[in-house]
Amino acid sequence: MRPLQLSTETALKLSKELNVPLEQLMHLPQHILIKKLMEIDNKDNKEK
């Protein structure tokens, strides 16, 4: 499986937001990453 095609800035921000090591983030399957991003978005929307 190829690493995700993310910019350095994006990868670092996601790593911090998801509390996942950068190396692990880069090798996450895309569908799992999208699911985690949706969870973050839902959490942010509930706080507003």
PDB file of N, CA and C in Angstrom:
ATOM      1  N   MET A   1       0.848  -1.172   0.000  1.00  0.00           N
ATOM      2  CA  MET A   1       0.000   0.000   0.000  1.00  0.00           C
ATOM      3  C   MET A   1       0.896   1.238   0.000  1.00  0.00           C
ATOM      4  N   ARG A   2       0.569   2.209  -0.840  1.00  0.00           N
ATOM      5  CA  ARG A   2       1.337   3.447  -0.919  1.00  0.00           C
ATOM      6  C   ARG A   2       1.006   4.347   0.256  1.00  0.00           C
ATOM      7  N   PRO A   3       1.997   5.095   0.745  1.00  0.00           N
ATOM      8  CA  PRO A   3       1.693   6.096   1.776  1.00  0.00           C
ATOM      9  C   PRO A   3       0.726   7.143   1.221  1.00  0.00           C
ATOM     10  N   LEU A   4      -0.009   7.771   2.113  1.00  0.00           N
ATOM     11  CA  LEU A   4      -0.940   8.821   1.704  1.00  0.00           C
ATOM     12  C   LEU A   4      -0.180   9.974   1.064  1.00  0.00           C
ATOM     13  N   GLN A   5      -0.784  10.607   0.112  1.00  0.00           N
ATOM     14  CA  GLN A   5      -0.181  11.740  -0.573  1.00  0.00           C
ATOM     15  C   GLN A   5      -0.643  13.030   0.103  1.00  0.00           C
ATOM     16  N   LEU A   6       0.031  13.392   1.185  1.00  0.00           N
ATOM     17  CA  LEU A   6      -0.317  14.580   1.955  1.00  0.00           C
ATOM     18  C   LEU A   6       0.876  15.521   1.990  1.00  0.00           C
ATOM     19  N   SER A   7       0.593  16.800   2.086  1.00  0.00           N
ATOM     20  CA  SER A   7       1.682  17.750   2.275  1.00  0.00           C
ATOM     21  C   SER A   7       2.220  17.592   3.694  1.00  0.00           C
ATOM     22  N   THR A   8       3.415  18.079   3.912  1.00  0.00           N
ATOM     23  CA  THR A   8       4.042  17.984   5.234  1.00  0.00           C
ATOM     24  C   THR A   8       3.202  18.690   6.284  1.00  0.00           C
ATOM     25  N   GLU A   9       2.733  19.890   5.954  1.00  0.00           N
ATOM     26  CA  GLU A   9       1.918  20.652   6.907  1.00  0.00           C
ATOM     27  C   GLU A   9       0.642  19.901   7.276  1.00  0.00           C
ATOM     28  N   THR A  10      -0.032  19.371   6.275  1.00  0.00           N
ATOM     29  CA  THR A  10      -1.280  18.642   6.516  1.00  0.00           C
ATOM     30  C   THR A  10      -1.027  17.409   7.365  1.00  0.00           C
ATOM     31  N   ALA A  11       0.012  16.672   7.043  1.00  0.00           N
ATOM     32  CA  ALA A  11       0.329  15.455   7.794  1.00  0.00           C
ATOM     33  C   ALA A  11       0.633  15.782   9.254  1.00  0.00           C
ATOM     34  N   LEU A  12       1.378  16.837   9.509  1.00  0.00           N
ATOM     35  CA  LEU A  12       1.698  17.216  10.886  1.00  0.00           C
ATOM     36  C   LEU A  12       0.449  17.649  11.651  1.00  0.00           C
ATOM     37  N   LYS A  13      -0.418  18.433  11.016  1.00  0.00           N
ATOM     38  CA  LYS A  13      -1.652  18.874  11.667  1.00  0.00           C
ATOM     39  C   LYS A  13      -2.553  17.685  11.994  1.00  0.00           C
ATOM     40  N   LEU A  14      -2.700  16.775  11.035  1.00  0.00           N
ATOM     41  CA  LEU A  14      -3.544  15.602  11.267  1.00  0.00           C
ATOM     42  C   LEU A  14      -2.965  14.717  12.358  1.00  0.00           C
ATOM     43  N   SER A  15      -1.667  14.577  12.358  1.00  0.00           N
ATOM     44  CA  SER A  15      -1.008  13.757  13.371  1.00  0.00           C
ATOM     45  C   SER A  15      -1.295  14.296  14.765  1.00  0.00           C
ATOM     46  N   LYS A  16      -1.204  15.606  14.919  1.00  0.00           N
ATOM     47  CA  LYS A  16      -1.482  16.221  16.221  1.00  0.00           C
ATOM     48  C   LYS A  16      -2.954  16.096  16.587  1.00  0.00           C
ATOM     49  N   GLU A  17      -3.832  16.362  15.631  1.00  0.00           N
ATOM     50  CA  GLU A  17      -5.281  16.337  15.886  1.00  0.00           C
ATOM     51  C   GLU A  17      -5.769  14.935  16.231  1.00  0.00           C
ATOM     52  N   LEU A  18      -5.226  13.922  15.548  1.00  0.00           N
ATOM     53  CA  LEU A  18      -5.670  12.549  15.756  1.00  0.00           C
ATOM     54  C   LEU A  18      -4.897  11.828  16.853  1.00  0.00           C
ATOM     55  N   ASN A  19      -3.850  12.485  17.382  1.00  0.00           N
ATOM     56  CA  ASN A  19      -2.984  11.859  18.390  1.00  0.00           C
ATOM     57  C   ASN A  19      -2.418  10.534  17.883  1.00  0.00           C
ATOM     58  N   VAL A  20      -1.932  10.573  16.652  1.00  0.00           N
ATOM     59  CA  VAL A  20      -1.364   9.396  16.002  1.00  0.00           C
ATOM     60  C   VAL A  20       0.055   9.757  15.553  1.00  0.00           C
ATOM     61  N   PRO A  21       1.020   8.859  15.774  1.00  0.00           N
ATOM     62  CA  PRO A  21       2.367   9.141  15.273  1.00  0.00           C
ATOM     63  C   PRO A  21       2.348   9.363  13.757  1.00  0.00           C
ATOM     64  N   LEU A  22       3.217  10.239  13.295  1.00  0.00           N
ATOM     65  CA  LEU A  22       3.255  10.608  11.887  1.00  0.00           C
ATOM     66  C   LEU A  22       3.448   9.387  10.987  1.00  0.00           C
ATOM     67  N   GLU A  23       4.325   8.472  11.382  1.00  0.00           N
ATOM     68  CA  GLU A  23       4.584   7.285  10.566  1.00  0.00           C
ATOM     69  C   GLU A  23       3.326   6.428  10.425  1.00  0.00           C
ATOM     70  N   GLN A  24       2.577   6.319  11.511  1.00  0.00           N
ATOM     71  CA  GLN A  24       1.344   5.531  11.478  1.00  0.00           C
ATOM     72  C   GLN A  24       0.290   6.226  10.626  1.00  0.00           C
ATOM     73  N   LEU A  25       0.212   7.537  10.734  1.00  0.00           N
ATOM     74  CA  LEU A  25      -0.754   8.303   9.954  1.00  0.00           C
ATOM     75  C   LEU A  25      -0.529   8.110   8.458  1.00  0.00           C
ATOM     76  N   MET A  26       0.715   8.143   8.032  1.00  0.00           N
ATOM     77  CA  MET A  26       1.029   8.054   6.610  1.00  0.00           C
ATOM     78  C   MET A  26       0.659   6.700   6.018  1.00  0.00           C
ATOM     79  N   HIS A  27       0.523   5.689   6.854  1.00  0.00           N
ATOM     80  CA  HIS A  27       0.204   4.356   6.354  1.00  0.00           C
ATOM     81  C   HIS A  27      -1.206   3.899   6.715  1.00  0.00           C
ATOM     82  N   LEU A  28      -2.022   4.832   7.209  1.00  0.00           N
ATOM     83  CA  LEU A  28      -3.429   4.501   7.482  1.00  0.00           C
ATOM     84  C   LEU A  28      -4.149   4.287   6.157  1.00  0.00           C
ATOM     85  N   PRO A  29      -5.017   3.295   6.089  1.00  0.00           N
ATOM     86  CA  PRO A  29      -5.853   3.184   4.887  1.00  0.00           C
ATOM     87  C   PRO A  29      -6.714   4.436   4.749  1.00  0.00           C
ATOM     88  N   GLN A  30      -6.944   4.829   3.531  1.00  0.00           N
ATOM     89  CA  GLN A  30      -7.658   6.080   3.266  1.00  0.00           C
ATOM     90  C   GLN A  30      -9.052   6.089   3.883  1.00  0.00           C
ATOM     91  N   HIS A  31      -9.755   4.976   3.845  1.00  0.00           N
ATOM     92  CA  HIS A  31     -11.122   4.960   4.390  1.00  0.00           C
ATOM     93  C   HIS A  31     -11.119   5.153   5.910  1.00  0.00           C
ATOM     94  N   ILE A  32     -10.096   4.700   6.603  1.00  0.00           N
ATOM     95  CA  ILE A  32     -10.009   4.898   8.050  1.00  0.00           C
ATOM     96  C   ILE A  32      -9.696   6.362   8.351  1.00  0.00           C
ATOM     97  N   LEU A  33      -8.806   6.955   7.566  1.00  0.00           N
ATOM     98  CA  LEU A  33      -8.476   8.370   7.755  1.00  0.00           C
ATOM     99  C   LEU A  33      -9.718   9.237   7.543  1.00  0.00           C
ATOM    100  N   ILE A  34     -10.481   8.939   6.523  1.00  0.00           N
ATOM    101  CA  ILE A  34     -11.695   9.720   6.255  1.00  0.00           C
ATOM    102  C   ILE A  34     -12.683   9.575   7.410  1.00  0.00           C
ATOM    103  N   LYS A  35     -12.814   8.367   7.946  1.00  0.00           N
ATOM    104  CA  LYS A  35     -13.710   8.143   9.080  1.00  0.00           C
ATOM    105  C   LYS A  35     -13.272   8.970  10.284  1.00  0.00           C
ATOM    106  N   LYS A  36     -11.973   9.010  10.560  1.00  0.00           N
ATOM    107  CA  LYS A  36     -11.464   9.785  11.694  1.00  0.00           C
ATOM    108  C   LYS A  36     -11.681  11.280  11.469  1.00  0.00           C
ATOM    109  N   LEU A  37     -11.494  11.740  10.253  1.00  0.00           N
ATOM    110  CA  LEU A  37     -11.723  13.149   9.946  1.00  0.00           C
ATOM    111  C   LEU A  37     -13.195  13.509  10.131  1.00  0.00           C
ATOM    112  N   MET A  38     -14.088  12.610   9.767  1.00  0.00           N
ATOM    113  CA  MET A  38     -15.517  12.857   9.966  1.00  0.00           C
ATOM    114  C   MET A  38     -15.847  12.922  11.453  1.00  0.00           C
ATOM    115  N   GLU A  39     -15.209  12.081  12.262  1.00  0.00           N
ATOM    116  CA  GLU A  39     -15.434  12.117  13.708  1.00  0.00           C
ATOM    117  C   GLU A  39     -14.972  13.448  14.292  1.00  0.00           C
ATOM    118  N   ILE A  40     -13.830  13.950  13.838  1.00  0.00           N
ATOM    119  CA  ILE A  40     -13.324  15.242  14.308  1.00  0.00           C
ATOM    120  C   ILE A  40     -14.293  16.352  13.917  1.00  0.00           C
ATOM    121  N   ASP A  41     -14.770  16.300  12.676  1.00  0.00           N
ATOM    122  CA  ASP A  41     -15.699  17.329  12.205  1.00  0.00           C
ATOM    123  C   ASP A  41     -16.988  17.309  13.003  1.00  0.00           C
ATOM    124  N   ASN A  42     -17.508  16.127  13.292  1.00  0.00           N
ATOM    125  CA  ASN A  42     -18.733  16.019  14.094  1.00  0.00           C
ATOM    126  C   ASN A  42     -18.515  16.571  15.491  1.00  0.00           C
ATOM    127  N   LYS A  43     -17.350  16.282  16.076  1.00  0.00           N
ATOM    128  CA  LYS A  43     -17.033  16.772  17.410  1.00  0.00           C
ATOM    129  C   LYS A  43     -16.961  18.293  17.406  1.00  0.00           C
ATOM    130  N   ASP A  44     -16.309  18.866  16.395  1.00  0.00           N
ATOM    131  CA  ASP A  44     -16.198  20.321  16.292  1.00  0.00           C
ATOM    132  C   ASP A  44     -17.564  20.983  16.116  1.00  0.00           C
ATOM    133  N   ASN A  45     -18.425  20.351  15.325  1.00  0.00           N
ATOM    134  CA  ASN A  45     -19.761  20.922  15.084  1.00  0.00           C
ATOM    135  C   ASN A  45     -20.616  20.883  16.350  1.00  0.00           C
ATOM    136  N   LYS A  46     -20.456  19.878  17.174  1.00  0.00           N
ATOM    137  CA  LYS A  46     -21.232  19.783  18.411  1.00  0.00           C
ATOM    138  C   LYS A  46     -20.783  20.838  19.421  1.00  0.00           C
ATOM    139  N   GLU A  47     -19.503  21.197  19.380  1.00  0.00           N
ATOM    140  CA  GLU A  47     -18.986  22.191  20.333  1.00  0.00           C
ATOM    141  C   GLU A  47     -19.451  23.585  19.991  1.00  0.00           C
ATOM    142  N   LYS A  48     -19.834  23.837  18.760  1.00  0.00           N
ATOM    143  CA  LYS A  48     -20.231  25.194  18.344  1.00  0.00           C
ATOM    144  C   LYS A  48     -21.635  25.510  18.718  1.00  0.00           C
TER     145      LYS A  48
END
